[in-house]
């Protein structure tokens, strides 16, 4: 399994060291989709644009969730391979695993 890593995405070239008094400018995508969820009263929020209203879609979205026991899922070759690939990926320290334990969803660092 091949994943895109930070080097391929060019994040390093976008890094910048800030000094006291420097300001950060937020791009339109962030101001439309994320900033309203993080800080809805921020003056740079784009409240209504394209398919967003205050960081959420205005067009209905659907999800399909199927109940599968954690034990059975972890026995499948596909899940075992995916989990192994994620644990060994360069970005593994940046993601969390989701586990169903005693009726509760628990998040753990992989």
N, C-alpha and C. Protein backbone atom coordinates (compact mmCIF):
# COMPACT_ATOMS: atom_id res chain seq x y z
N UNK A 1 0.85 -1.17 0.00
CA UNK A 1 0.00 0.00 0.00
C UNK A 1 0.90 1.24 0.00
N UNK A 2 0.61 2.20 -0.86
CA UNK A 2 1.42 3.42 -0.95
C UNK A 2 0.58 4.61 -0.51
N UNK A 3 1.14 5.41 0.39
CA UNK A 3 0.47 6.61 0.87
C UNK A 3 1.26 7.83 0.42
N UNK A 4 0.60 8.94 0.27
CA UNK A 4 1.27 10.20 -0.01
C UNK A 4 1.86 10.71 1.29
N UNK A 5 3.12 11.09 1.28
CA UNK A 5 3.72 11.61 2.51
C UNK A 5 3.91 13.12 2.41
N UNK A 6 4.36 13.72 3.50
CA UNK A 6 4.51 15.18 3.57
C UNK A 6 5.44 15.70 2.48
N UNK A 7 6.50 14.96 2.16
CA UNK A 7 7.45 15.41 1.14
C UNK A 7 6.78 15.53 -0.22
N UNK A 8 5.92 14.58 -0.55
CA UNK A 8 5.22 14.61 -1.84
C UNK A 8 4.24 15.79 -1.92
N UNK A 9 3.69 16.17 -0.79
CA UNK A 9 2.71 17.26 -0.77
C UNK A 9 3.36 18.63 -0.70
N UNK A 10 4.63 18.68 -0.44
CA UNK A 10 5.33 19.96 -0.42
C UNK A 10 5.07 20.82 0.79
N UNK A 11 4.67 20.21 1.90
CA UNK A 11 4.41 20.99 3.11
C UNK A 11 5.65 21.72 3.60
N UNK A 12 6.80 21.11 3.43
CA UNK A 12 8.05 21.72 3.91
C UNK A 12 8.29 23.09 3.30
N UNK A 13 7.98 23.23 2.01
CA UNK A 13 8.20 24.52 1.36
C UNK A 13 7.22 25.58 1.82
N UNK A 14 6.13 25.15 2.44
CA UNK A 14 5.12 26.10 2.93
C UNK A 14 5.36 26.50 4.38
N UNK A 15 6.32 25.85 5.04
CA UNK A 15 6.59 26.18 6.44
C UNK A 15 7.22 27.55 6.55
N UNK A 16 6.90 28.20 7.63
CA UNK A 16 7.42 29.55 7.85
C UNK A 16 7.61 29.77 9.34
N UNK A 17 8.68 30.45 9.68
CA UNK A 17 8.92 30.81 11.08
C UNK A 17 8.30 32.18 11.32
N UNK A 18 7.48 32.28 12.35
CA UNK A 18 6.83 33.54 12.68
C UNK A 18 7.61 34.26 13.77
N UNK A 19 7.62 35.58 13.67
CA UNK A 19 8.23 36.44 14.69
C UNK A 19 7.13 37.18 15.41
N UNK A 20 7.45 37.75 16.55
CA UNK A 20 6.48 38.57 17.28
C UNK A 20 5.93 39.64 16.36
N UNK A 21 4.62 39.77 16.35
CA UNK A 21 3.97 40.80 15.54
C UNK A 21 3.57 40.35 14.15
N UNK A 22 4.10 39.21 13.68
CA UNK A 22 3.71 38.69 12.36
C UNK A 22 2.25 38.27 12.41
N UNK A 23 1.58 38.41 11.29
CA UNK A 23 0.19 37.99 11.19
C UNK A 23 0.08 36.84 10.21
N UNK A 24 -0.90 36.01 10.42
CA UNK A 24 -1.16 34.90 9.50
C UNK A 24 -2.40 35.25 8.69
N UNK A 25 -2.34 34.97 7.40
CA UNK A 25 -3.53 35.20 6.58
C UNK A 25 -4.15 33.85 6.26
N UNK A 26 -5.44 33.75 6.41
CA UNK A 26 -6.17 32.50 6.21
C UNK A 26 -6.72 32.47 4.79
N UNK A 27 -6.53 31.35 4.08
CA UNK A 27 -7.03 31.28 2.71
C UNK A 27 -8.55 31.08 2.72
N UNK A 28 -9.15 31.32 1.56
CA UNK A 28 -10.61 31.29 1.45
C UNK A 28 -11.18 29.91 1.80
N UNK A 29 -10.50 28.84 1.41
CA UNK A 29 -11.02 27.50 1.72
C UNK A 29 -11.13 27.29 3.23
N UNK A 30 -10.10 27.71 3.96
CA UNK A 30 -10.12 27.58 5.41
C UNK A 30 -11.19 28.48 6.01
N UNK A 31 -11.28 29.71 5.52
CA UNK A 31 -12.24 30.68 6.07
C UNK A 31 -13.69 30.25 5.83
N UNK A 32 -13.92 29.47 4.77
CA UNK A 32 -15.27 29.02 4.42
C UNK A 32 -15.63 27.70 5.13
N UNK A 33 -14.73 26.74 5.14
CA UNK A 33 -15.08 25.39 5.60
C UNK A 33 -14.70 25.09 7.05
N UNK A 34 -13.62 25.69 7.54
CA UNK A 34 -13.11 25.31 8.86
C UNK A 34 -13.25 26.40 9.92
N UNK A 35 -12.93 27.62 9.56
CA UNK A 35 -12.96 28.71 10.54
C UNK A 35 -14.33 28.88 11.20
N UNK A 36 -15.45 28.75 10.46
CA UNK A 36 -16.75 28.88 11.13
C UNK A 36 -16.98 27.82 12.21
N UNK A 37 -16.33 26.67 12.06
CA UNK A 37 -16.49 25.61 13.06
C UNK A 37 -15.57 25.82 14.25
N UNK A 38 -14.41 26.43 14.01
CA UNK A 38 -13.41 26.65 15.05
C UNK A 38 -13.71 27.92 15.83
N UNK A 39 -14.05 28.99 15.10
CA UNK A 39 -14.29 30.29 15.72
C UNK A 39 -15.35 31.04 14.91
N UNK A 40 -16.64 30.71 15.10
CA UNK A 40 -17.70 31.27 14.27
C UNK A 40 -17.81 32.79 14.31
N UNK A 41 -17.32 33.42 15.35
CA UNK A 41 -17.43 34.88 15.44
C UNK A 41 -16.20 35.61 14.89
N UNK A 42 -15.23 34.86 14.35
CA UNK A 42 -14.02 35.47 13.80
C UNK A 42 -14.40 36.39 12.63
N UNK A 43 -13.82 37.58 12.55
CA UNK A 43 -14.20 38.53 11.50
C UNK A 43 -13.88 38.06 10.07
N UNK A 44 -13.00 37.08 9.91
CA UNK A 44 -12.66 36.60 8.56
C UNK A 44 -13.49 35.41 8.10
N UNK A 45 -14.48 34.99 8.89
CA UNK A 45 -15.33 33.86 8.51
C UNK A 45 -16.08 34.19 7.22
N UNK A 46 -16.07 33.25 6.29
CA UNK A 46 -16.95 33.33 5.11
C UNK A 46 -18.17 32.49 5.47
N UNK A 47 -19.25 33.16 5.84
CA UNK A 47 -20.42 32.47 6.39
C UNK A 47 -21.22 31.72 5.33
N UNK A 48 -21.36 32.31 4.15
CA UNK A 48 -22.16 31.69 3.09
C UNK A 48 -21.36 31.76 1.80
N UNK A 49 -21.12 30.60 1.20
CA UNK A 49 -20.38 30.56 -0.06
C UNK A 49 -20.50 29.17 -0.66
N UNK A 50 -20.69 29.12 -1.95
CA UNK A 50 -20.80 27.85 -2.67
C UNK A 50 -21.77 26.93 -1.97
N UNK A 51 -21.32 25.77 -1.51
CA UNK A 51 -22.20 24.80 -0.88
C UNK A 51 -22.04 24.77 0.64
N UNK A 52 -21.57 25.88 1.22
CA UNK A 52 -21.36 25.95 2.66
C UNK A 52 -22.21 27.04 3.30
N UNK A 53 -22.64 26.76 4.51
CA UNK A 53 -23.22 27.77 5.38
C UNK A 53 -22.62 27.55 6.76
N UNK A 54 -21.80 28.49 7.20
CA UNK A 54 -21.12 28.43 8.49
C UNK A 54 -20.37 27.11 8.70
N UNK A 55 -19.64 26.69 7.66
CA UNK A 55 -18.77 25.54 7.77
C UNK A 55 -19.42 24.19 7.53
N UNK A 56 -20.70 24.17 7.25
CA UNK A 56 -21.37 22.90 6.96
C UNK A 56 -21.99 22.98 5.56
N UNK A 57 -22.20 21.84 4.96
CA UNK A 57 -22.79 21.80 3.63
C UNK A 57 -24.25 22.19 3.67
N UNK A 58 -24.69 22.94 2.66
CA UNK A 58 -26.12 23.26 2.56
C UNK A 58 -26.86 22.14 1.85
N UNK A 59 -26.17 21.40 0.99
CA UNK A 59 -26.77 20.25 0.31
C UNK A 59 -26.68 19.04 1.23
N UNK A 60 -27.77 18.32 1.34
CA UNK A 60 -27.83 17.15 2.21
C UNK A 60 -26.77 16.11 1.81
N UNK A 61 -26.10 15.56 2.79
CA UNK A 61 -25.13 14.49 2.60
C UNK A 61 -25.63 13.26 3.34
N UNK A 62 -25.32 12.09 2.84
CA UNK A 62 -25.73 10.84 3.48
C UNK A 62 -24.51 9.99 3.78
N UNK A 63 -24.61 9.23 4.85
CA UNK A 63 -23.57 8.27 5.21
C UNK A 63 -24.22 6.92 5.42
N UNK A 64 -23.47 5.89 5.15
CA UNK A 64 -23.94 4.53 5.40
C UNK A 64 -23.03 3.91 6.44
N UNK A 65 -23.62 3.46 7.52
CA UNK A 65 -22.86 2.83 8.59
C UNK A 65 -23.40 1.42 8.76
N UNK A 66 -22.51 0.45 8.70
CA UNK A 66 -22.91 -0.94 8.86
C UNK A 66 -22.33 -1.49 10.15
N UNK A 67 -23.15 -2.14 10.94
CA UNK A 67 -22.62 -2.71 12.19
C UNK A 67 -21.77 -3.95 11.91
N UNK A 68 -20.54 -3.88 12.26
CA UNK A 68 -19.62 -5.01 12.13
C UNK A 68 -18.90 -5.13 13.46
N UNK A 69 -18.85 -6.31 13.98
CA UNK A 69 -18.17 -6.47 15.27
C UNK A 69 -16.68 -6.17 15.10
N UNK A 70 -16.13 -5.52 16.10
CA UNK A 70 -14.71 -5.18 16.08
C UNK A 70 -13.87 -6.44 15.93
N UNK A 71 -14.24 -7.48 16.63
CA UNK A 71 -13.48 -8.73 16.60
C UNK A 71 -13.46 -9.32 15.19
N UNK A 72 -14.60 -9.34 14.55
CA UNK A 72 -14.68 -9.91 13.20
C UNK A 72 -13.91 -9.06 12.20
N UNK A 73 -14.04 -7.75 12.31
CA UNK A 73 -13.33 -6.85 11.41
C UNK A 73 -11.83 -7.05 11.52
N UNK A 74 -11.32 -7.16 12.72
CA UNK A 74 -9.88 -7.30 12.94
C UNK A 74 -9.33 -8.65 12.47
N UNK A 75 -10.20 -9.59 12.15
CA UNK A 75 -9.76 -10.89 11.64
C UNK A 75 -9.61 -10.90 10.12
N UNK A 76 -10.14 -9.86 9.44
CA UNK A 76 -10.10 -9.86 7.98
C UNK A 76 -8.73 -9.43 7.47
N UNK A 77 -8.30 -10.06 6.40
CA UNK A 77 -6.98 -9.76 5.81
C UNK A 77 -6.90 -8.30 5.34
N UNK A 78 -7.99 -7.78 4.81
CA UNK A 78 -7.97 -6.40 4.31
C UNK A 78 -7.74 -5.42 5.46
N UNK A 79 -8.46 -5.59 6.57
CA UNK A 79 -8.28 -4.69 7.70
C UNK A 79 -6.89 -4.83 8.30
N UNK A 80 -6.42 -6.06 8.46
CA UNK A 80 -5.09 -6.29 9.02
C UNK A 80 -4.03 -5.61 8.18
N UNK A 81 -4.14 -5.73 6.84
CA UNK A 81 -3.19 -5.09 5.94
C UNK A 81 -3.27 -3.58 5.99
N UNK A 82 -4.49 -3.04 6.05
CA UNK A 82 -4.66 -1.59 6.12
C UNK A 82 -4.09 -1.05 7.42
N UNK A 83 -4.42 -1.69 8.53
CA UNK A 83 -3.91 -1.21 9.82
C UNK A 83 -2.39 -1.27 9.88
N UNK A 84 -1.80 -2.33 9.36
CA UNK A 84 -0.34 -2.47 9.33
C UNK A 84 0.28 -1.37 8.48
N UNK A 85 -0.31 -1.12 7.31
CA UNK A 85 0.21 -0.06 6.43
C UNK A 85 0.11 1.31 7.09
N UNK A 86 -0.99 1.57 7.78
CA UNK A 86 -1.15 2.85 8.45
C UNK A 86 -0.16 3.00 9.60
N UNK A 87 0.04 1.96 10.36
CA UNK A 87 1.00 2.00 11.48
C UNK A 87 2.42 2.25 11.00
N UNK A 88 2.76 1.76 9.81
CA UNK A 88 4.11 1.89 9.27
C UNK A 88 4.29 3.13 8.38
N UNK A 89 3.23 3.85 8.12
CA UNK A 89 3.30 5.02 7.25
C UNK A 89 4.05 6.16 7.94
N UNK A 90 4.65 7.04 7.14
CA UNK A 90 5.42 8.15 7.69
C UNK A 90 4.55 9.09 8.54
N UNK A 91 3.26 9.11 8.29
CA UNK A 91 2.36 10.02 9.01
C UNK A 91 1.62 9.33 10.15
N UNK A 92 2.03 8.12 10.53
CA UNK A 92 1.29 7.36 11.53
C UNK A 92 1.14 8.10 12.86
N UNK A 93 2.10 8.95 13.20
CA UNK A 93 2.00 9.69 14.45
C UNK A 93 0.96 10.80 14.41
N UNK A 94 0.41 11.06 13.22
CA UNK A 94 -0.56 12.14 13.07
C UNK A 94 -2.00 11.66 13.02
N UNK A 95 -2.21 10.35 13.04
CA UNK A 95 -3.58 9.84 12.94
C UNK A 95 -3.94 9.05 14.18
N UNK A 96 -5.22 8.88 14.37
CA UNK A 96 -5.71 8.12 15.52
C UNK A 96 -6.51 6.94 15.01
N UNK A 97 -6.52 5.87 15.75
CA UNK A 97 -7.36 4.74 15.43
C UNK A 97 -8.68 4.90 16.17
N UNK A 98 -9.73 4.37 15.60
CA UNK A 98 -11.04 4.44 16.24
C UNK A 98 -11.42 3.03 16.64
N UNK A 99 -11.74 2.86 17.90
CA UNK A 99 -12.06 1.54 18.41
C UNK A 99 -13.38 1.58 19.15
N UNK A 100 -14.13 0.53 19.05
CA UNK A 100 -15.40 0.38 19.75
C UNK A 100 -15.15 -0.51 20.96
N UNK A 101 -15.21 0.07 22.14
CA UNK A 101 -14.92 -0.69 23.36
C UNK A 101 -16.06 -0.47 24.34
N UNK A 102 -16.67 -1.53 24.78
CA UNK A 102 -17.75 -1.49 25.78
C UNK A 102 -18.81 -0.46 25.44
N UNK A 103 -19.26 -0.44 24.20
CA UNK A 103 -20.34 0.46 23.80
C UNK A 103 -19.93 1.90 23.59
N UNK A 104 -18.64 2.20 23.61
CA UNK A 104 -18.18 3.57 23.42
C UNK A 104 -17.13 3.62 22.32
N UNK A 105 -17.12 4.70 21.57
CA UNK A 105 -16.07 4.89 20.59
C UNK A 105 -14.88 5.50 21.30
N UNK A 106 -13.71 4.89 21.13
CA UNK A 106 -12.49 5.37 21.76
C UNK A 106 -11.47 5.70 20.68
N UNK A 107 -10.74 6.77 20.85
CA UNK A 107 -9.72 7.17 19.91
C UNK A 107 -8.36 6.91 20.54
N UNK A 108 -7.47 6.32 19.77
CA UNK A 108 -6.14 6.01 20.27
C UNK A 108 -5.10 6.39 19.24
N UNK A 109 -3.96 6.85 19.68
CA UNK A 109 -2.84 7.10 18.78
C UNK A 109 -2.40 5.76 18.23
N UNK A 110 -2.19 5.66 16.92
CA UNK A 110 -1.75 4.39 16.32
C UNK A 110 -0.32 4.10 16.63
